[in-house]
N, C-alpha and C. Protein backbone atom coordinates (compact mmCIF):
# COMPACT_ATOMS: atom_id res chain seq x y z
N MET A 1 -47.68 -30.21 12.57
CA MET A 1 -47.06 -31.46 12.24
C MET A 1 -45.63 -31.40 12.87
N ASN A 2 -45.33 -32.44 13.63
CA ASN A 2 -44.03 -32.50 14.27
C ASN A 2 -42.93 -33.03 13.28
N ALA A 3 -41.71 -33.01 13.72
CA ALA A 3 -40.61 -33.39 12.90
C ALA A 3 -40.67 -34.87 12.40
N ARG A 4 -41.17 -35.71 13.32
CA ARG A 4 -41.31 -37.18 12.93
C ARG A 4 -42.38 -37.40 11.85
N GLN A 5 -43.46 -36.65 12.00
CA GLN A 5 -44.50 -36.71 10.97
C GLN A 5 -44.03 -36.13 9.67
N GLN A 6 -43.29 -35.04 9.72
CA GLN A 6 -42.72 -34.43 8.49
C GLN A 6 -41.78 -35.43 7.75
N PHE A 7 -40.92 -36.10 8.58
CA PHE A 7 -39.99 -37.06 8.03
C PHE A 7 -40.77 -38.23 7.35
N GLY A 8 -41.80 -38.69 8.01
CA GLY A 8 -42.64 -39.73 7.36
C GLY A 8 -43.36 -39.33 6.13
N ARG A 9 -43.92 -38.03 6.14
CA ARG A 9 -44.55 -37.55 4.89
C ARG A 9 -43.54 -37.40 3.77
N ALA A 10 -42.29 -36.94 4.02
CA ALA A 10 -41.31 -36.81 3.00
C ALA A 10 -40.90 -38.13 2.49
N ALA A 11 -40.89 -39.13 3.28
CA ALA A 11 -40.52 -40.53 2.86
C ALA A 11 -41.60 -41.03 1.92
N GLU A 12 -42.87 -40.81 2.32
CA GLU A 12 -43.99 -41.26 1.47
C GLU A 12 -44.04 -40.52 0.16
N GLU A 13 -43.67 -39.24 0.20
CA GLU A 13 -43.61 -38.45 -1.02
C GLU A 13 -42.48 -39.03 -1.97
N ALA A 14 -41.33 -39.35 -1.36
CA ALA A 14 -40.20 -39.91 -2.16
C ALA A 14 -40.62 -41.29 -2.74
N ALA A 15 -41.36 -42.11 -1.95
CA ALA A 15 -41.82 -43.36 -2.44
C ALA A 15 -42.72 -43.23 -3.66
N ALA A 16 -43.69 -42.25 -3.48
CA ALA A 16 -44.66 -42.03 -4.56
C ALA A 16 -43.94 -41.55 -5.83
N ARG A 17 -42.99 -40.68 -5.72
CA ARG A 17 -42.29 -40.20 -6.82
C ARG A 17 -41.51 -41.36 -7.49
N TYR A 18 -40.86 -42.21 -6.63
CA TYR A 18 -40.17 -43.34 -7.20
C TYR A 18 -41.10 -44.26 -8.03
N LEU A 19 -42.27 -44.52 -7.46
CA LEU A 19 -43.21 -45.41 -8.15
C LEU A 19 -43.73 -44.81 -9.40
N THR A 20 -44.06 -43.56 -9.47
CA THR A 20 -44.58 -43.01 -10.67
C THR A 20 -43.45 -42.95 -11.80
N GLN A 21 -42.24 -42.67 -11.37
CA GLN A 21 -41.14 -42.67 -12.27
C GLN A 21 -40.80 -44.12 -12.74
N SER A 22 -41.24 -45.06 -12.06
CA SER A 22 -41.09 -46.47 -12.47
C SER A 22 -42.23 -47.06 -13.23
N GLY A 23 -43.18 -46.17 -13.56
CA GLY A 23 -44.36 -46.60 -14.41
C GLY A 23 -45.55 -47.03 -13.63
N TRP A 24 -45.58 -46.89 -12.34
CA TRP A 24 -46.77 -47.22 -11.57
C TRP A 24 -47.76 -46.13 -11.54
N ARG A 25 -48.98 -46.45 -11.55
CA ARG A 25 -50.13 -45.51 -11.47
C ARG A 25 -50.66 -45.60 -10.01
N LEU A 26 -50.61 -44.44 -9.34
CA LEU A 26 -51.08 -44.44 -7.96
C LEU A 26 -52.64 -44.39 -7.91
N LEU A 27 -53.20 -45.34 -7.20
CA LEU A 27 -54.66 -45.35 -7.07
C LEU A 27 -55.06 -44.72 -5.73
N GLY A 28 -54.11 -44.63 -4.79
CA GLY A 28 -54.43 -44.07 -3.54
C GLY A 28 -53.24 -43.81 -2.66
N ARG A 29 -53.26 -42.79 -1.92
CA ARG A 29 -52.17 -42.51 -0.91
C ARG A 29 -52.82 -42.13 0.38
N ASN A 30 -52.25 -42.74 1.49
CA ASN A 30 -52.80 -42.54 2.80
C ASN A 30 -54.28 -42.75 2.91
N VAL A 31 -54.69 -43.89 2.34
CA VAL A 31 -56.08 -44.25 2.27
C VAL A 31 -56.58 -44.77 3.69
N ARG A 32 -57.48 -43.95 4.28
CA ARG A 32 -58.05 -44.30 5.57
C ARG A 32 -59.21 -45.35 5.31
N ILE A 33 -59.07 -46.44 6.06
CA ILE A 33 -60.11 -47.45 6.03
C ILE A 33 -60.34 -47.88 7.50
N GLY A 34 -61.50 -47.63 8.01
CA GLY A 34 -61.81 -47.95 9.34
C GLY A 34 -60.79 -47.28 10.25
N ARG A 35 -60.15 -48.15 11.08
CA ARG A 35 -59.08 -47.59 12.03
C ARG A 35 -57.69 -47.65 11.51
N GLY A 36 -57.57 -47.94 10.20
CA GLY A 36 -56.18 -48.12 9.63
C GLY A 36 -56.01 -47.26 8.43
N GLU A 37 -54.78 -47.41 7.90
CA GLU A 37 -54.43 -46.57 6.72
C GLU A 37 -53.49 -47.42 5.83
N LEU A 38 -53.80 -47.42 4.53
CA LEU A 38 -52.90 -47.98 3.57
C LEU A 38 -51.99 -46.81 3.03
N ASP A 39 -50.70 -47.00 3.06
CA ASP A 39 -49.78 -45.95 2.63
C ASP A 39 -50.01 -45.61 1.16
N ILE A 40 -49.84 -46.66 0.30
CA ILE A 40 -50.00 -46.38 -1.19
C ILE A 40 -50.60 -47.69 -1.76
N VAL A 41 -51.52 -47.42 -2.68
CA VAL A 41 -52.19 -48.47 -3.48
C VAL A 41 -51.80 -48.05 -4.94
N ALA A 42 -51.12 -48.98 -5.69
CA ALA A 42 -50.64 -48.65 -6.99
C ALA A 42 -50.89 -49.83 -7.93
N ARG A 43 -50.87 -49.51 -9.24
CA ARG A 43 -51.04 -50.49 -10.24
C ARG A 43 -50.05 -50.24 -11.29
N ARG A 44 -49.47 -51.31 -11.91
CA ARG A 44 -48.62 -51.28 -13.01
C ARG A 44 -48.90 -52.48 -13.87
N GLY A 45 -49.42 -52.30 -15.03
CA GLY A 45 -49.78 -53.42 -15.89
C GLY A 45 -50.83 -54.25 -15.22
N ARG A 46 -50.56 -55.49 -15.03
CA ARG A 46 -51.57 -56.47 -14.46
C ARG A 46 -51.27 -56.73 -12.98
N VAL A 47 -50.52 -55.85 -12.35
CA VAL A 47 -50.11 -55.99 -10.94
C VAL A 47 -50.82 -54.92 -10.13
N LEU A 48 -51.46 -55.26 -9.04
CA LEU A 48 -51.99 -54.35 -8.05
C LEU A 48 -51.16 -54.51 -6.81
N ALA A 49 -50.69 -53.42 -6.23
CA ALA A 49 -49.80 -53.56 -5.06
C ALA A 49 -50.34 -52.66 -3.95
N PHE A 50 -50.34 -53.18 -2.77
CA PHE A 50 -50.54 -52.46 -1.51
C PHE A 50 -49.16 -52.25 -0.92
N ILE A 51 -48.77 -50.96 -0.82
CA ILE A 51 -47.40 -50.71 -0.46
C ILE A 51 -47.20 -50.02 0.86
N GLU A 52 -46.46 -50.62 1.75
CA GLU A 52 -46.19 -50.01 3.07
C GLU A 52 -44.82 -49.35 2.93
N VAL A 53 -44.81 -48.09 3.35
CA VAL A 53 -43.59 -47.28 3.30
C VAL A 53 -42.96 -47.14 4.70
N LYS A 54 -41.72 -47.47 4.78
CA LYS A 54 -41.03 -47.33 6.09
C LYS A 54 -39.80 -46.54 5.84
N ALA A 55 -39.38 -45.66 6.77
CA ALA A 55 -38.17 -44.89 6.65
C ALA A 55 -37.43 -44.86 7.97
N ARG A 56 -36.11 -44.67 7.93
CA ARG A 56 -35.24 -44.65 9.04
C ARG A 56 -34.16 -43.63 8.83
N ARG A 57 -33.81 -42.88 9.90
CA ARG A 57 -32.69 -41.93 9.86
C ARG A 57 -31.39 -42.60 10.31
N THR A 58 -31.57 -43.65 11.12
CA THR A 58 -30.37 -44.39 11.66
C THR A 58 -30.68 -45.92 11.58
N HIS A 59 -29.65 -46.70 11.71
CA HIS A 59 -29.88 -48.15 11.73
C HIS A 59 -29.93 -48.65 13.19
N THR A 60 -30.11 -47.78 14.13
CA THR A 60 -30.16 -48.22 15.57
C THR A 60 -31.22 -49.27 15.74
N CYS A 61 -32.37 -49.11 15.15
CA CYS A 61 -33.51 -50.11 15.26
C CYS A 61 -33.54 -50.98 14.04
N GLY A 62 -32.57 -51.08 13.28
CA GLY A 62 -32.50 -51.89 12.11
C GLY A 62 -32.88 -51.19 10.82
N ALA A 63 -32.99 -51.92 9.78
CA ALA A 63 -33.35 -51.35 8.45
C ALA A 63 -34.86 -51.00 8.49
N PRO A 64 -35.25 -50.04 7.56
CA PRO A 64 -36.63 -49.63 7.55
C PRO A 64 -37.61 -50.86 7.37
N GLU A 65 -37.26 -51.70 6.49
CA GLU A 65 -38.20 -52.90 6.19
C GLU A 65 -38.33 -53.77 7.41
N ASP A 66 -37.38 -53.72 8.37
CA ASP A 66 -37.55 -54.57 9.51
C ASP A 66 -38.59 -54.13 10.45
N ALA A 67 -39.11 -52.89 10.27
CA ALA A 67 -40.16 -52.35 11.03
C ALA A 67 -41.57 -52.81 10.67
N VAL A 68 -41.67 -53.59 9.61
CA VAL A 68 -42.96 -54.08 9.21
C VAL A 68 -43.16 -55.43 9.92
N SER A 69 -43.74 -55.33 11.06
CA SER A 69 -43.96 -56.46 11.93
C SER A 69 -45.04 -57.38 11.39
N SER A 70 -45.21 -58.53 12.01
CA SER A 70 -46.24 -59.47 11.56
C SER A 70 -47.61 -58.88 11.85
N LEU A 71 -47.74 -58.08 12.96
CA LEU A 71 -49.00 -57.43 13.23
C LEU A 71 -49.27 -56.42 12.12
N LYS A 72 -48.35 -55.63 11.64
CA LYS A 72 -48.52 -54.65 10.66
C LYS A 72 -48.87 -55.39 9.32
N ARG A 73 -48.28 -56.49 9.00
CA ARG A 73 -48.58 -57.23 7.77
C ARG A 73 -50.04 -57.65 7.76
N ARG A 74 -50.45 -58.20 8.95
CA ARG A 74 -51.85 -58.64 9.01
C ARG A 74 -52.84 -57.44 8.86
N GLN A 75 -52.42 -56.32 9.44
CA GLN A 75 -53.27 -55.15 9.33
C GLN A 75 -53.36 -54.67 7.83
N VAL A 76 -52.22 -54.64 7.18
CA VAL A 76 -52.24 -54.21 5.79
C VAL A 76 -53.04 -55.17 4.92
N ALA A 77 -52.94 -56.41 5.21
CA ALA A 77 -53.72 -57.43 4.44
C ALA A 77 -55.19 -57.28 4.72
N ARG A 78 -55.63 -57.03 5.98
CA ARG A 78 -56.99 -56.78 6.29
C ARG A 78 -57.53 -55.59 5.70
N LEU A 79 -56.80 -54.51 5.59
CA LEU A 79 -57.19 -53.19 5.05
C LEU A 79 -57.30 -53.38 3.53
N ALA A 80 -56.42 -54.16 2.91
CA ALA A 80 -56.45 -54.40 1.51
C ALA A 80 -57.73 -55.15 1.11
N GLU A 81 -58.08 -56.09 1.98
CA GLU A 81 -59.37 -56.83 1.71
C GLU A 81 -60.56 -55.84 1.76
N LEU A 82 -60.58 -54.93 2.68
CA LEU A 82 -61.64 -53.96 2.78
C LEU A 82 -61.62 -53.09 1.61
N TRP A 83 -60.45 -52.59 1.16
CA TRP A 83 -60.33 -51.74 0.02
C TRP A 83 -60.86 -52.36 -1.22
N LEU A 84 -60.50 -53.64 -1.38
CA LEU A 84 -60.93 -54.43 -2.59
C LEU A 84 -62.50 -54.67 -2.54
N ALA A 85 -62.95 -54.92 -1.32
CA ALA A 85 -64.42 -55.16 -1.26
C ALA A 85 -65.26 -53.94 -1.64
N ALA A 86 -64.73 -52.79 -1.41
CA ALA A 86 -65.38 -51.55 -1.68
C ALA A 86 -65.22 -51.12 -3.21
N ARG A 87 -64.26 -51.77 -3.85
CA ARG A 87 -63.84 -51.45 -5.19
C ARG A 87 -63.70 -52.75 -6.09
N PRO A 88 -64.79 -53.48 -6.30
CA PRO A 88 -64.62 -54.71 -7.01
C PRO A 88 -64.08 -54.56 -8.44
N TRP A 89 -64.25 -53.43 -9.04
CA TRP A 89 -63.70 -53.09 -10.36
C TRP A 89 -62.21 -53.06 -10.32
N ALA A 90 -61.54 -52.86 -9.15
CA ALA A 90 -60.08 -52.72 -9.10
C ALA A 90 -59.32 -53.89 -9.58
N THR A 91 -59.89 -55.07 -9.57
CA THR A 91 -59.21 -56.29 -9.97
C THR A 91 -59.40 -56.60 -11.40
N ASP A 92 -60.16 -55.78 -12.12
CA ASP A 92 -60.37 -56.00 -13.65
C ASP A 92 -58.96 -55.95 -14.29
N GLY A 93 -58.62 -56.98 -14.95
CA GLY A 93 -57.36 -57.04 -15.69
C GLY A 93 -56.11 -57.22 -14.82
N ILE A 94 -56.38 -57.62 -13.59
CA ILE A 94 -55.22 -57.86 -12.62
C ILE A 94 -54.93 -59.35 -12.55
N ASP A 95 -53.72 -59.74 -12.68
CA ASP A 95 -53.29 -61.11 -12.50
C ASP A 95 -52.62 -61.31 -11.12
N ASP A 96 -52.09 -60.29 -10.57
CA ASP A 96 -51.34 -60.45 -9.32
C ASP A 96 -51.66 -59.25 -8.36
N VAL A 97 -52.05 -59.66 -7.18
CA VAL A 97 -52.24 -58.69 -6.10
C VAL A 97 -51.21 -59.06 -5.07
N ARG A 98 -50.41 -58.04 -4.69
CA ARG A 98 -49.30 -58.33 -3.71
C ARG A 98 -49.08 -57.22 -2.75
N PHE A 99 -48.24 -57.54 -1.78
CA PHE A 99 -47.94 -56.57 -0.64
C PHE A 99 -46.42 -56.20 -0.80
N ASP A 100 -46.11 -55.01 -1.11
CA ASP A 100 -44.74 -54.50 -1.33
C ASP A 100 -44.34 -53.67 -0.09
N ILE A 101 -43.11 -53.51 0.04
CA ILE A 101 -42.57 -52.53 1.02
C ILE A 101 -41.61 -51.61 0.27
N ILE A 102 -41.72 -50.37 0.51
CA ILE A 102 -40.61 -49.36 0.07
C ILE A 102 -39.91 -48.90 1.29
N ALA A 103 -38.62 -49.13 1.29
CA ALA A 103 -37.77 -48.73 2.45
C ALA A 103 -37.05 -47.48 2.03
N VAL A 104 -37.15 -46.42 2.78
CA VAL A 104 -36.47 -45.19 2.51
C VAL A 104 -35.35 -45.07 3.62
N ASP A 105 -34.14 -45.19 3.16
CA ASP A 105 -33.06 -45.26 4.11
C ASP A 105 -32.32 -43.91 4.05
N SER A 106 -32.48 -43.13 5.04
CA SER A 106 -31.89 -41.75 5.14
C SER A 106 -30.53 -41.71 5.91
N THR A 107 -29.94 -42.86 6.08
CA THR A 107 -28.62 -42.94 6.78
C THR A 107 -27.53 -42.37 5.89
N ALA A 108 -27.76 -42.40 4.58
CA ALA A 108 -26.82 -41.80 3.58
C ALA A 108 -27.49 -40.64 2.90
N ILE A 109 -26.68 -39.81 2.29
CA ILE A 109 -27.18 -38.68 1.57
C ILE A 109 -26.70 -38.73 0.22
N PRO A 110 -27.57 -38.83 -0.78
CA PRO A 110 -28.95 -38.73 -0.70
C PRO A 110 -29.54 -40.06 -0.14
N SER A 111 -30.81 -39.95 0.28
CA SER A 111 -31.49 -41.19 0.81
C SER A 111 -31.58 -42.21 -0.32
N THR A 112 -31.57 -43.46 0.09
CA THR A 112 -31.82 -44.53 -0.85
C THR A 112 -33.14 -45.09 -0.76
N ILE A 113 -33.68 -45.57 -1.83
CA ILE A 113 -35.06 -46.19 -1.82
C ILE A 113 -34.87 -47.64 -2.35
N ARG A 114 -35.41 -48.56 -1.46
CA ARG A 114 -35.46 -49.95 -1.92
C ARG A 114 -36.87 -50.39 -1.99
N HIS A 115 -37.21 -50.90 -3.17
CA HIS A 115 -38.58 -51.48 -3.45
C HIS A 115 -38.46 -52.95 -3.31
N LEU A 116 -39.20 -53.49 -2.33
CA LEU A 116 -39.23 -54.92 -2.15
C LEU A 116 -40.52 -55.49 -2.60
N PRO A 117 -40.62 -55.94 -3.86
CA PRO A 117 -41.88 -56.48 -4.41
C PRO A 117 -42.26 -57.76 -3.69
N ALA A 118 -43.57 -57.94 -3.45
CA ALA A 118 -44.06 -59.15 -2.80
C ALA A 118 -43.32 -59.49 -1.54
N ALA A 119 -43.07 -58.48 -0.73
CA ALA A 119 -42.33 -58.59 0.45
C ALA A 119 -42.92 -59.51 1.53
N PHE A 120 -44.29 -59.53 1.52
CA PHE A 120 -44.97 -60.45 2.39
C PHE A 120 -46.28 -60.86 1.73
N THR A 121 -46.92 -61.86 2.39
CA THR A 121 -48.20 -62.37 1.92
C THR A 121 -49.20 -62.10 3.07
N CYS A 122 -50.46 -62.32 2.80
CA CYS A 122 -51.42 -62.20 3.86
C CYS A 122 -51.32 -63.27 4.91
N ASP A 123 -50.52 -64.33 4.62
CA ASP A 123 -50.32 -65.45 5.59
C ASP A 123 -49.17 -65.20 6.52
N ARG A 124 -48.21 -64.27 6.15
CA ARG A 124 -47.04 -64.10 7.05
C ARG A 124 -46.71 -62.63 7.12
């Protein structure tokens, strides 16, 4: 595993810790579906979230959340549909299915984590 991959894994681990400490139950991490991957699938109460994790060491290319392009949003939405189709039970008791972003900003020490609930929809 190269340094870039290690940085990404550490960011996903930090995001998972943040979510569990915030009362979320993780249903899946790095879930491979077809040719894609969902970073985190989590549930808290009546909310089911598909969470994209992005991290940055510098702001040269913008904030971490800026890296979630429209193409990536469409891919996450498509993968979420496939995930749900294979698990029809997953929506039992769910009132809201949403797409969140967790931004891990390592430009400061310690790194900061921003959770952006309902950051995008399957339409945008």
